[in-house]
Amino acid sequence: MRNRADNRAPRSTDEKRRKTPLRELAALFLKLGTIAFGGPAAHIAMMEDEIVRRRRWMTHDEFLDLLGATNLIPSPNSNKSLIFNSPQLHFP
């Protein structure tokens, strides 16, 4: 069964991205940091659900590009993804 958020048209890459308020971004990452159990794989899945599907702050392809870049650096992927996604969302 499809989620109601999945029925919306994907955001165009030409569309100007709005600046995500820092307070809203910090609140999301605080939420993910406190409720994300299951290791980096679960944390990344929760980030994708929140950032791409629910809030539509970036496209799925943009998220995968950033995730691929974080795989090149040693340490848990979820930590690097949070650090790497923050400036992308706040400073479009």
N, C-alpha and C. Protein backbone atom coordinates (compact mmCIF):
# COMPACT_ATOMS: atom_id res chain seq x y z
N MET A 1 0.84 -1.17 0.00
CA MET A 1 0.00 0.00 0.00
C MET A 1 0.89 1.24 0.00
N ARG A 2 0.55 2.19 -0.85
CA ARG A 2 1.37 3.39 -0.97
C ARG A 2 1.03 4.41 0.11
N ASN A 3 2.06 5.05 0.57
CA ASN A 3 1.92 6.12 1.55
C ASN A 3 1.33 7.35 0.87
N ARG A 4 0.57 8.14 1.57
CA ARG A 4 -0.02 9.34 0.99
C ARG A 4 1.06 10.30 0.49
N ALA A 5 2.20 10.36 1.16
CA ALA A 5 3.29 11.24 0.74
C ALA A 5 3.90 10.77 -0.57
N ASP A 6 3.82 9.47 -0.88
CA ASP A 6 4.40 8.94 -2.12
C ASP A 6 3.59 9.35 -3.35
N ASN A 7 2.34 9.77 -3.16
CA ASN A 7 1.50 10.14 -4.28
C ASN A 7 1.84 11.52 -4.85
N ARG A 8 2.60 12.31 -4.11
CA ARG A 8 2.97 13.63 -4.60
C ARG A 8 4.02 13.49 -5.69
N ALA A 9 4.00 14.43 -6.60
CA ALA A 9 4.99 14.42 -7.68
C ALA A 9 6.37 14.73 -7.12
N PRO A 10 7.41 14.09 -7.64
CA PRO A 10 8.75 14.38 -7.16
C PRO A 10 9.14 15.81 -7.49
N ARG A 11 9.95 16.40 -6.63
CA ARG A 11 10.38 17.77 -6.83
C ARG A 11 11.31 17.86 -8.02
N SER A 12 11.13 18.86 -8.84
CA SER A 12 11.98 19.07 -10.00
C SER A 12 13.35 19.51 -9.55
N THR A 13 14.39 19.10 -10.27
CA THR A 13 15.74 19.52 -9.92
C THR A 13 15.95 20.99 -10.25
N ASP A 14 15.11 21.56 -11.13
CA ASP A 14 15.22 22.97 -11.48
C ASP A 14 14.56 23.87 -10.45
N GLU A 15 13.68 23.29 -9.65
CA GLU A 15 12.96 24.08 -8.66
C GLU A 15 13.94 24.58 -7.60
N LYS A 16 13.82 25.85 -7.25
CA LYS A 16 14.72 26.41 -6.24
C LYS A 16 14.43 25.78 -4.89
N ARG A 17 15.45 25.27 -4.27
CA ARG A 17 15.29 24.62 -2.98
C ARG A 17 15.20 25.68 -1.89
N ARG A 18 14.23 25.50 -1.00
CA ARG A 18 14.10 26.46 0.08
C ARG A 18 15.11 26.13 1.18
N LYS A 19 15.53 27.16 1.87
CA LYS A 19 16.49 26.98 2.96
C LYS A 19 15.76 26.36 4.14
N THR A 20 16.27 25.25 4.63
CA THR A 20 15.68 24.57 5.78
C THR A 20 16.10 25.31 7.04
N PRO A 21 15.14 25.72 7.87
CA PRO A 21 15.50 26.42 9.11
C PRO A 21 16.40 25.56 9.99
N LEU A 22 17.43 26.16 10.53
CA LEU A 22 18.40 25.44 11.35
C LEU A 22 17.73 24.80 12.56
N ARG A 23 16.76 25.48 13.13
CA ARG A 23 16.05 24.94 14.30
C ARG A 23 15.29 23.66 13.93
N GLU A 24 14.64 23.67 12.76
CA GLU A 24 13.90 22.49 12.29
C GLU A 24 14.85 21.34 11.98
N LEU A 25 15.99 21.66 11.40
CA LEU A 25 17.00 20.66 11.08
C LEU A 25 17.57 20.04 12.36
N ALA A 26 17.89 20.88 13.34
CA ALA A 26 18.42 20.38 14.61
C ALA A 26 17.39 19.52 15.34
N ALA A 27 16.12 19.91 15.28
CA ALA A 27 15.07 19.13 15.94
C ALA A 27 14.94 17.75 15.30
N LEU A 28 15.02 17.69 13.97
CA LEU A 28 14.94 16.39 13.30
C LEU A 28 16.12 15.50 13.69
N PHE A 29 17.34 16.05 13.67
CA PHE A 29 18.51 15.23 13.98
C PHE A 29 18.54 14.83 15.45
N LEU A 30 18.00 15.67 16.33
CA LEU A 30 17.87 15.28 17.74
C LEU A 30 16.90 14.12 17.88
N LYS A 31 15.78 14.20 17.15
CA LYS A 31 14.79 13.12 17.16
C LYS A 31 15.42 11.82 16.66
N LEU A 32 16.12 11.89 15.52
CA LEU A 32 16.73 10.69 14.97
C LEU A 32 17.80 10.13 15.90
N GLY A 33 18.54 11.00 16.54
CA GLY A 33 19.60 10.55 17.45
C GLY A 33 19.06 9.87 18.70
N THR A 34 17.87 10.24 19.12
CA THR A 34 17.34 9.66 20.35
C THR A 34 16.50 8.41 20.12
N ILE A 35 15.88 8.28 18.96
CA ILE A 35 15.00 7.12 18.75
C ILE A 35 15.56 6.09 17.77
N ALA A 36 16.69 6.36 17.16
CA ALA A 36 17.23 5.45 16.15
C ALA A 36 18.02 4.32 16.81
N PHE A 37 17.43 3.13 16.83
CA PHE A 37 18.12 1.95 17.33
C PHE A 37 18.25 0.97 16.18
N GLY A 38 19.32 0.20 16.18
CA GLY A 38 19.50 -0.80 15.14
C GLY A 38 20.75 -0.57 14.32
N GLY A 39 21.56 0.38 14.71
CA GLY A 39 22.82 0.60 14.01
C GLY A 39 22.69 1.56 12.85
N PRO A 40 23.81 1.78 12.14
CA PRO A 40 23.85 2.75 11.05
C PRO A 40 22.85 2.47 9.93
N ALA A 41 22.62 1.22 9.59
CA ALA A 41 21.69 0.90 8.50
C ALA A 41 20.27 1.37 8.84
N ALA A 42 19.83 1.14 10.06
CA ALA A 42 18.50 1.59 10.48
C ALA A 42 18.43 3.11 10.54
N HIS A 43 19.51 3.72 11.01
CA HIS A 43 19.56 5.18 11.12
C HIS A 43 19.47 5.83 9.74
N ILE A 44 20.17 5.28 8.76
CA ILE A 44 20.13 5.82 7.40
C ILE A 44 18.74 5.66 6.79
N ALA A 45 18.10 4.53 7.05
CA ALA A 45 16.74 4.31 6.55
C ALA A 45 15.77 5.32 7.16
N MET A 46 15.93 5.63 8.43
CA MET A 46 15.08 6.62 9.08
C MET A 46 15.35 8.01 8.52
N MET A 47 16.62 8.33 8.26
CA MET A 47 16.96 9.62 7.66
C MET A 47 16.33 9.76 6.29
N GLU A 48 16.41 8.70 5.49
CA GLU A 48 15.82 8.76 4.15
C GLU A 48 14.31 8.98 4.24
N ASP A 49 13.67 8.27 5.16
CA ASP A 49 12.23 8.42 5.31
C ASP A 49 11.86 9.85 5.69
N GLU A 50 12.57 10.42 6.64
CA GLU A 50 12.26 11.78 7.10
C GLU A 50 12.65 12.85 6.08
N ILE A 51 13.87 12.77 5.55
CA ILE A 51 14.39 13.84 4.69
C ILE A 51 13.83 13.78 3.28
N VAL A 52 13.72 12.58 2.71
CA VAL A 52 13.29 12.45 1.32
C VAL A 52 11.78 12.30 1.20
N ARG A 53 11.19 11.38 1.94
CA ARG A 53 9.77 11.06 1.74
C ARG A 53 8.82 12.00 2.48
N ARG A 54 9.06 12.22 3.75
CA ARG A 54 8.11 13.02 4.53
C ARG A 54 8.29 14.52 4.34
N ARG A 55 9.51 15.01 4.49
CA ARG A 55 9.73 16.46 4.44
C ARG A 55 10.09 16.98 3.06
N ARG A 56 10.53 16.07 2.16
CA ARG A 56 10.89 16.42 0.78
C ARG A 56 11.93 17.55 0.72
N TRP A 57 12.93 17.45 1.57
CA TRP A 57 14.00 18.44 1.59
C TRP A 57 15.00 18.19 0.47
N MET A 58 15.08 16.96 0.00
CA MET A 58 15.96 16.63 -1.13
C MET A 58 15.37 15.45 -1.87
N THR A 59 15.83 15.26 -3.10
CA THR A 59 15.33 14.15 -3.90
C THR A 59 16.03 12.86 -3.47
N HIS A 60 15.47 11.74 -3.90
CA HIS A 60 16.06 10.44 -3.59
C HIS A 60 17.45 10.32 -4.21
N ASP A 61 17.62 10.82 -5.43
CA ASP A 61 18.92 10.76 -6.09
C ASP A 61 19.97 11.60 -5.37
N GLU A 62 19.58 12.77 -4.88
CA GLU A 62 20.52 13.60 -4.11
C GLU A 62 20.94 12.89 -2.84
N PHE A 63 19.99 12.26 -2.17
CA PHE A 63 20.29 11.54 -0.94
C PHE A 63 21.26 10.39 -1.21
N LEU A 64 21.01 9.64 -2.29
CA LEU A 64 21.90 8.53 -2.62
C LEU A 64 23.29 9.01 -3.02
N ASP A 65 23.39 10.14 -3.70
CA ASP A 65 24.70 10.70 -4.04
C ASP A 65 25.48 11.06 -2.78
N LEU A 66 24.81 11.70 -1.83
CA LEU A 66 25.48 12.05 -0.57
C LEU A 66 25.85 10.80 0.23
N LEU A 67 24.98 9.80 0.21
CA LEU A 67 25.28 8.56 0.92
C LEU A 67 26.48 7.85 0.29
N GLY A 68 26.54 7.85 -1.05
CA GLY A 68 27.68 7.25 -1.73
C GLY A 68 28.98 7.96 -1.39
N ALA A 69 28.93 9.28 -1.27
CA ALA A 69 30.14 10.04 -0.90
C ALA A 69 30.58 9.71 0.52
N THR A 70 29.62 9.49 1.41
CA THR A 70 29.99 9.19 2.80
C THR A 70 30.56 7.78 2.95
N ASN A 71 30.29 6.90 2.01
CA ASN A 71 30.85 5.55 2.08
C ASN A 71 32.36 5.53 1.84
N LEU A 72 32.90 6.59 1.30
CA LEU A 72 34.34 6.65 1.01
C LEU A 72 35.18 6.95 2.24
N ILE A 73 34.56 7.45 3.30
CA ILE A 73 35.29 7.87 4.50
C ILE A 73 35.04 6.85 5.60
N PRO A 74 36.10 6.42 6.32
CA PRO A 74 35.89 5.45 7.40
C PRO A 74 35.17 6.07 8.59
N SER A 75 34.31 5.32 9.21
CA SER A 75 33.50 5.59 10.41
C SER A 75 32.06 5.24 10.08
N PRO A 76 31.18 5.20 11.08
CA PRO A 76 29.78 4.82 10.80
C PRO A 76 29.13 5.77 9.79
N ASN A 77 28.45 5.20 8.81
CA ASN A 77 27.82 5.98 7.74
C ASN A 77 26.77 6.95 8.24
N SER A 78 26.01 6.56 9.23
CA SER A 78 24.91 7.43 9.67
C SER A 78 25.45 8.74 10.24
N ASN A 79 26.54 8.68 10.99
CA ASN A 79 27.13 9.90 11.54
C ASN A 79 27.62 10.81 10.42
N LYS A 80 28.30 10.23 9.45
CA LYS A 80 28.81 11.03 8.33
C LYS A 80 27.68 11.60 7.50
N SER A 81 26.62 10.83 7.33
CA SER A 81 25.48 11.30 6.54
C SER A 81 24.82 12.50 7.19
N LEU A 82 24.66 12.46 8.51
CA LEU A 82 24.07 13.60 9.21
C LEU A 82 24.94 14.84 9.05
N ILE A 83 26.23 14.67 9.22
CA ILE A 83 27.15 15.79 9.11
C ILE A 83 27.19 16.33 7.69
N PHE A 84 27.16 15.45 6.71
CA PHE A 84 27.25 15.85 5.31
C PHE A 84 25.94 16.44 4.80
N ASN A 85 24.80 15.95 5.28
CA ASN A 85 23.50 16.45 4.83
C ASN A 85 23.15 17.81 5.41
N SER A 86 23.60 18.11 6.60
CA SER A 86 23.21 19.36 7.26
C SER A 86 23.49 20.60 6.43
N PRO A 87 24.72 20.81 5.96
CA PRO A 87 24.96 22.01 5.15
C PRO A 87 24.20 21.99 3.83
N GLN A 88 23.99 20.81 3.26
CA GLN A 88 23.27 20.70 2.00
C GLN A 88 21.82 21.18 2.16
N LEU A 89 21.25 20.95 3.34
CA LEU A 89 19.87 21.33 3.59
C LEU A 89 19.73 22.77 4.05
N HIS A 90 20.67 23.22 4.87
CA HIS A 90 20.55 24.58 5.42
C HIS A 90 21.07 25.65 4.48
N PHE A 91 22.09 25.33 3.70
CA PHE A 91 22.67 26.29 2.75
C PHE A 91 22.53 25.77 1.34
N PRO A 92 21.33 25.86 0.74
CA PRO A 92 21.12 25.28 -0.60
C PRO A 92 21.92 25.97 -1.69
